[in-house]
Amino acid sequence: MTATLSRRNVMLTLGAATMLAVLAPVPAAAQDARAILKSAFDNWRARSSHATVEMVVKRPGATRTMTLESWTEGEDNALVRFTAPARDAGNATLQLGSTTYVFNPKLNQVIKLPASAMTQSWMGSDFSYDDLSRSEKVVDDYTHTLIATKSAGGRKLYVIESIPKRGKPIVWGKQVLTVREDGVLYSVEYFDQLGKRVRVMTSDRISNLGGRPYPVVMTMKSDDKPGQYTRVTTKAAEFDISIPAYLFTRSNLQNPRD
């Protein structure tokens, strides 16, 4: 009788262990990695945003400085319009979901960019058109692993390795993103399909902006082009604002309303 009860207890224990294994959630580290990244992009764009930005493009023997305005709404809509200098003023980029349009005032023409053009340089900078859509695409199209924690300036930093999911049209072999504990995107390293780092974006100055900690100055550099970079400085920004529906339209891209 005792032996029978003992065997029954063993079987019950094994059964319970099996059920726990089946019902066990995704490891906390994996959950945390995705949640950390989502908080960073939510902090970046909020539900909506409007910003005034200065962009400096450094090249051998020349430096270009441009100013622009940007608007975002949700995860899919974004509009960027250059306001200075005169030769660049009026150039604009509109993103509606996975579709990107550009407007060239000299041609007075709206062009829909093919997918193959998304990795091309945006306005001669170190950023690509694809970088403009930095949002849920990174969160949803990659598998994320928290690989390290460290500290800088008295703040904890989370280092996350993001590997593209199979079947996703992504040029990078992986990204390594570092997020500060308060949700600020601290840096992004981009690696090719062979695992070689090819460029890095860093947050050079973080301040309170629009009621939140924000990467006010960010720099993108390519590893094979020493001395060259693109630096963006957010001069002013407001978040979670009401934006009229007409703003994110092809008509407004070409003929902006006041």
Foldseek 3Di string as FASTA:
>chain_A
DVVVVVVVVVVVVVVVVVVCVVPPDDDPQQVVQLVLQQLLQCQAAPQKKKFKKWKWWDDVPDIDIWIWIKIDHHLWWIKIATCDDPCRGLWMWITGHPWIWIADLVVLDIDIDDPVQQQPDDPPAPDGNVVVSPHCCQSPQWRKGFDDWDDDPRWIKTWIKTAGDPPDPDQFRIKIWIATPQNHTAKIWTHGVVGHTFKMKGQPDWDQAQNGIYSQKMKIDTPVRPPTIMIMGTPHMHHPDDDDPVCNDPVCSSVPDD
